[in-house]
Amino acid sequence: MMMNMAMTHYMELLSLHQPWFLILFMLVPMTLAETILASEIFSLYYQEEGKGTWSSLRHGASIVLAIFFIAVAIFIAVWYVPTIQWRGPLDVIAVYSYLLAVIPAVVILLMEFNLISKNSDTRTKLKKHVIWVFAFVALTHIAMVFGMADPQLAGWTAPQQSMPGGQMMNHDGMSNDMMNHGGMSHDTMNHGDMHQHMMNQQQSMHMNQGGQGGMNGNNADSCPMNQADQDQNQHKNS
């Protein structure tokens, strides 16, 4: 029997208010993180010191990413997580991997404001920065991979809902059952039309039989009258 695919809460979150949540929670963080990585690679390649073009881009993108993702993580933790009924380990890994990415985001923000690693030289600080950005990217990609998986693969089973007549229905297969129910209603309507057509035919047959019976009765009543006329004519002739 084919198993209906279920979604993790990570994917459900991205599917809400399409396409805005997808843009806010996936596109924006990934774009900023990849911009930071690219600028750091070019900074190391050109051996920039201080305020070069790529260093300035990295600095600005890092601050925007850190502040933005901290706000996103607080929003999800306060507004979304309390409403979750977990769907197995894959669901937990997906959601909490995404939330744990706030740790490297905070570290990146502190580094950009020289609150940590302020005594390190520029190249050492850049290497540490790269490590924390990679940690951010790794956690968000773990959330993406596990979030796209079916939670039933890890042993979670969808809750069953009782239907009239004692039948059980899978919550995730509700839409398919509703479609099938629509098909059943259509078949029921066709059956009703056939039944009405048969009733009309039977009524027509009864009406035809009644008409034939009346004609036969009239013929039977006219026979004695014809016989009496014949007897009267014979009497006159005689």
Protein backbone atom coordinates (compact mmCIF):
# COMPACT_ATOMS: atom_id res chain seq x y z
CA MET A 1 0.00 0.00 0.00
CA MET A 2 1.38 3.41 -0.96
CA MET A 3 2.14 5.70 1.97
CA ASN A 4 0.85 9.26 1.80
CA MET A 5 3.74 11.70 2.16
CA ALA A 6 3.70 14.02 5.16
CA MET A 7 5.55 17.31 5.68
CA THR A 8 7.78 18.44 8.50
CA HIS A 9 6.93 21.64 10.32
CA TYR A 10 9.97 23.23 8.67
CA MET A 11 8.38 22.76 5.24
CA GLU A 12 4.97 23.81 6.52
CA LEU A 13 6.50 27.04 7.82
CA LEU A 14 8.04 27.79 4.44
CA SER A 15 4.73 27.05 2.72
CA LEU A 16 2.80 29.57 4.81
CA HIS A 17 1.95 32.93 3.22
CA GLN A 18 3.55 31.97 -0.09
CA PRO A 19 5.97 33.20 -1.26
CA TRP A 20 6.88 35.55 1.60
CA PHE A 21 7.89 33.05 4.29
CA LEU A 22 9.97 31.15 1.74
CA ILE A 23 11.77 34.38 0.86
CA LEU A 24 12.25 35.49 4.47
CA PHE A 25 13.30 32.19 6.04
CA MET A 26 15.30 30.64 3.20
CA LEU A 27 16.15 32.97 0.32
CA VAL A 28 17.35 35.99 2.31
CA PRO A 29 19.59 34.13 4.81
CA MET A 30 21.10 31.89 2.14
CA THR A 31 21.81 34.81 -0.19
CA LEU A 32 23.49 36.85 2.57
CA ALA A 33 25.55 33.87 3.80
CA GLU A 34 26.78 33.05 0.31
CA THR A 35 27.61 36.72 -0.29
CA ILE A 36 29.72 36.73 2.90
CA LEU A 37 31.54 33.55 1.90
CA ALA A 38 32.28 34.91 -1.57
CA SER A 39 33.61 38.20 -0.18
CA GLU A 40 35.81 36.35 2.32
CA ILE A 41 37.27 34.16 -0.40
CA PHE A 42 38.10 37.21 -2.50
CA SER A 43 39.50 39.01 0.53
CA LEU A 44 41.87 36.11 1.19
CA TYR A 45 42.74 35.84 -2.48
CA TYR A 46 43.61 39.53 -2.89
CA GLN A 47 45.10 39.65 0.64
CA GLU A 48 43.09 42.70 1.55
CA GLU A 49 44.04 44.47 4.76
CA GLY A 50 41.61 46.75 6.54
CA LYS A 51 38.86 48.41 4.51
CA GLY A 52 39.09 46.93 1.05
CA THR A 53 36.09 46.51 -1.25
CA TRP A 54 35.48 42.86 -0.39
CA SER A 55 36.10 43.45 3.31
CA SER A 56 33.50 46.23 3.34
CA LEU A 57 30.99 44.00 1.57
CA ARG A 58 31.65 41.17 4.05
CA HIS A 59 31.29 43.52 7.01
CA GLY A 60 27.96 44.96 5.84
CA ALA A 61 26.47 41.63 4.79
CA SER A 62 27.54 40.00 8.06
CA ILE A 63 25.81 42.64 10.20
CA VAL A 64 22.60 42.44 8.12
CA LEU A 65 22.57 38.63 8.23
CA ALA A 66 23.22 38.43 11.97
CA ILE A 67 20.55 40.96 12.96
CA PHE A 68 18.02 39.57 10.48
CA PHE A 69 18.48 35.94 11.51
CA ILE A 70 18.38 36.70 15.24
CA ALA A 71 14.98 38.35 14.67
CA VAL A 72 13.81 35.38 12.58
CA ALA A 73 14.91 32.86 15.24
CA ILE A 74 13.11 34.78 17.99
CA PHE A 75 9.97 34.95 15.85
CA ILE A 76 9.98 31.20 15.17
CA ALA A 77 10.80 30.26 18.78
CA VAL A 78 8.07 32.48 20.24
CA TRP A 79 5.31 32.27 17.63
CA TYR A 80 5.72 28.92 15.83
CA VAL A 81 7.46 26.35 18.04
CA PRO A 82 4.85 26.42 20.88
CA THR A 83 2.15 25.34 18.39
CA ILE A 84 4.11 22.33 17.09
CA GLN A 85 3.05 18.72 17.69
CA TRP A 86 6.26 16.96 16.75
CA ARG A 87 6.27 14.46 13.89
CA GLY A 88 9.19 12.31 14.88
CA PRO A 89 12.98 12.85 15.00
CA LEU A 90 13.30 14.24 11.46
CA ASP A 91 10.88 17.02 12.34
CA VAL A 92 12.81 17.86 15.53
CA ILE A 93 16.19 17.88 13.76
CA ALA A 94 14.92 20.13 10.96
CA VAL A 95 13.40 22.78 13.23
CA TYR A 96 16.10 22.87 15.89
CA SER A 97 18.96 22.82 13.37
CA TYR A 98 17.49 25.96 11.88
CA LEU A 99 17.11 27.60 15.30
CA LEU A 100 20.65 26.61 16.38
CA ALA A 101 22.02 28.61 13.45
CA VAL A 102 21.34 31.67 15.60
CA ILE A 103 24.50 30.80 17.62
CA PRO A 104 26.98 31.45 14.76
CA ALA A 105 24.86 34.46 13.78
CA VAL A 106 25.36 35.98 17.24
CA VAL A 107 29.11 35.22 17.15
CA ILE A 108 29.42 36.82 13.71
CA LEU A 109 27.65 39.95 14.97
CA LEU A 110 29.95 40.19 18.00
CA MET A 111 33.00 39.80 15.79
CA GLU A 112 31.85 42.55 13.46
CA PHE A 113 31.57 44.95 16.40
CA ASN A 114 34.95 43.85 17.77
CA LEU A 115 33.41 42.52 20.97
CA ILE A 116 35.26 39.22 20.57
CA SER A 117 38.59 38.39 18.86
CA LYS A 118 39.48 42.07 18.93
CA ASN A 119 43.14 41.32 19.72
CA SER A 120 43.55 38.97 16.73
CA ASP A 121 45.21 40.15 13.55
CA THR A 122 43.11 40.74 10.46
CA ARG A 123 43.94 37.43 8.77
CA THR A 124 43.31 35.33 11.89
CA LYS A 125 40.05 37.14 12.53
CA LEU A 126 38.99 36.53 8.92
CA LYS A 127 39.67 32.79 9.27
CA LYS A 128 37.55 32.61 12.43
CA HIS A 129 34.86 34.55 10.64
CA VAL A 130 34.89 32.04 7.78
CA ILE A 131 34.52 29.13 10.24
CA TRP A 132 31.46 30.66 11.89
CA VAL A 133 29.86 31.46 8.54
CA PHE A 134 30.42 27.85 7.46
CA ALA A 135 28.80 26.71 10.72
CA PHE A 136 25.77 28.89 9.93
CA VAL A 137 25.51 27.51 6.40
CA ALA A 138 25.93 23.92 7.61
CA LEU A 139 23.15 24.18 10.21
CA THR A 140 20.69 25.81 7.81
CA HIS A 141 21.44 23.18 5.16
CA ILE A 142 20.92 20.37 7.69
CA ALA A 143 17.55 21.91 8.48
CA MET A 144 16.77 22.05 4.76
CA VAL A 145 17.73 18.43 4.07
CA PHE A 146 15.87 16.93 7.03
CA GLY A 147 12.99 19.35 6.55
CA MET A 148 12.38 18.12 3.01
CA ALA A 149 12.27 14.47 4.11
CA ASP A 150 9.08 12.61 4.95
CA PRO A 151 8.88 12.30 8.78
CA GLN A 152 7.29 8.87 8.33
CA LEU A 153 10.69 7.57 7.17
CA ALA A 154 11.92 7.79 10.78
CA GLY A 155 8.98 5.83 12.17
CA TRP A 156 6.43 8.57 12.78
CA THR A 157 2.86 7.62 11.88
CA ALA A 158 0.15 10.12 11.03
CA PRO A 159 -2.71 10.29 13.56
CA GLN A 160 -5.90 8.48 12.59
CA GLN A 161 -9.27 10.24 12.68
CA SER A 162 -12.53 8.35 13.20
CA MET A 163 -15.17 8.71 10.48
CA PRO A 164 -18.91 7.92 10.55
CA GLY A 165 -19.48 4.18 10.44
CA GLY A 166 -16.39 3.39 12.52
CA GLN A 167 -13.92 3.92 9.67
CA MET A 168 -10.50 5.43 10.33
CA MET A 169 -8.94 8.06 8.11
CA ASN A 170 -5.35 9.18 7.83
CA HIS A 171 -5.12 12.92 8.51
CA ASP A 172 -2.56 13.44 5.74
CA GLY A 173 -4.72 11.55 3.25
CA MET A 174 -7.76 13.69 3.91
CA SER A 175 -7.57 15.59 0.64
CA ASN A 176 -7.39 12.37 -1.41
CA ASP A 177 -10.38 10.94 0.44
CA MET A 178 -12.33 14.10 -0.13
CA MET A 179 -11.60 13.86 -3.85
CA ASN A 180 -12.76 10.26 -3.88
CA HIS A 181 -15.88 11.26 -1.95
CA GLY A 182 -16.62 13.76 -4.67
CA GLY A 183 -16.41 10.98 -7.24
CA MET A 184 -18.79 8.83 -5.17
CA SER A 185 -21.30 11.66 -4.99
CA HIS A 186 -21.17 11.96 -8.78
CA ASP A 187 -21.79 8.21 -9.15
CA THR A 188 -24.68 8.44 -6.70
CA MET A 189 -26.24 11.20 -8.77
CA ASN A 190 -25.92 9.06 -11.92
CA HIS A 191 -27.59 6.14 -10.12
CA GLY A 192 -30.48 8.41 -9.12
CA ASP A 193 -30.95 9.53 -12.72
CA MET A 194 -31.07 5.90 -13.90
CA HIS A 195 -33.63 5.03 -11.22
CA GLN A 196 -35.84 7.98 -12.23
CA HIS A 197 -35.62 6.95 -15.90
CA MET A 198 -36.75 3.40 -15.06
CA MET A 199 -39.70 4.73 -13.04
CA ASN A 200 -40.78 6.91 -15.95
CA GLN A 201 -40.65 3.90 -18.28
CA GLN A 202 -42.78 1.82 -15.91
CA GLN A 203 -45.37 4.59 -15.63
CA SER A 204 -45.56 4.82 -19.42
CA MET A 205 -46.10 1.07 -19.69
CA HIS A 206 -48.94 1.19 -17.12
CA MET A 207 -50.61 4.03 -18.98
CA ASN A 208 -50.39 2.13 -22.30
CA GLN A 209 -51.86 -1.01 -20.73
CA GLY A 210 -54.73 1.02 -19.20
CA GLY A 211 -55.54 2.57 -22.58
CA GLN A 212 -55.64 -0.81 -24.31
CA GLY A 213 -57.92 -2.19 -21.58
CA GLY A 214 -60.40 0.66 -22.09
CA MET A 215 -60.50 0.07 -25.83
CA ASN A 216 -61.18 -3.64 -25.33
CA GLY A 217 -64.02 -2.81 -22.93
CA ASN A 218 -65.64 -0.51 -25.44
CA ASN A 219 -65.45 -3.17 -28.12
CA ALA A 220 -67.02 -5.71 -25.77
CA ASP A 221 -69.89 -3.33 -24.95
CA SER A 222 -70.60 -2.67 -28.62
CA CYS A 223 -70.87 -6.38 -29.51
CA PRO A 224 -74.35 -6.95 -27.93
CA MET A 225 -75.66 -3.88 -29.67
CA ASN A 226 -74.53 -5.20 -33.07
CA GLN A 227 -76.11 -8.61 -32.35
CA ALA A 228 -79.46 -7.00 -31.41
CA ASP A 229 -79.49 -5.02 -34.67
CA GLN A 230 -78.91 -8.20 -36.67
CA ASP A 231 -81.82 -10.02 -34.91
CA GLN A 232 -84.12 -7.11 -35.55
CA ASN A 233 -83.30 -7.06 -39.28
CA GLN A 234 -83.92 -10.80 -39.57
CA HIS A 235 -87.35 -10.40 -37.89
CA LYS A 236 -88.37 -7.69 -40.33
CA ASN A 237 -87.39 -9.80 -43.31
CA SER A 238 -89.39 -12.73 -42.09
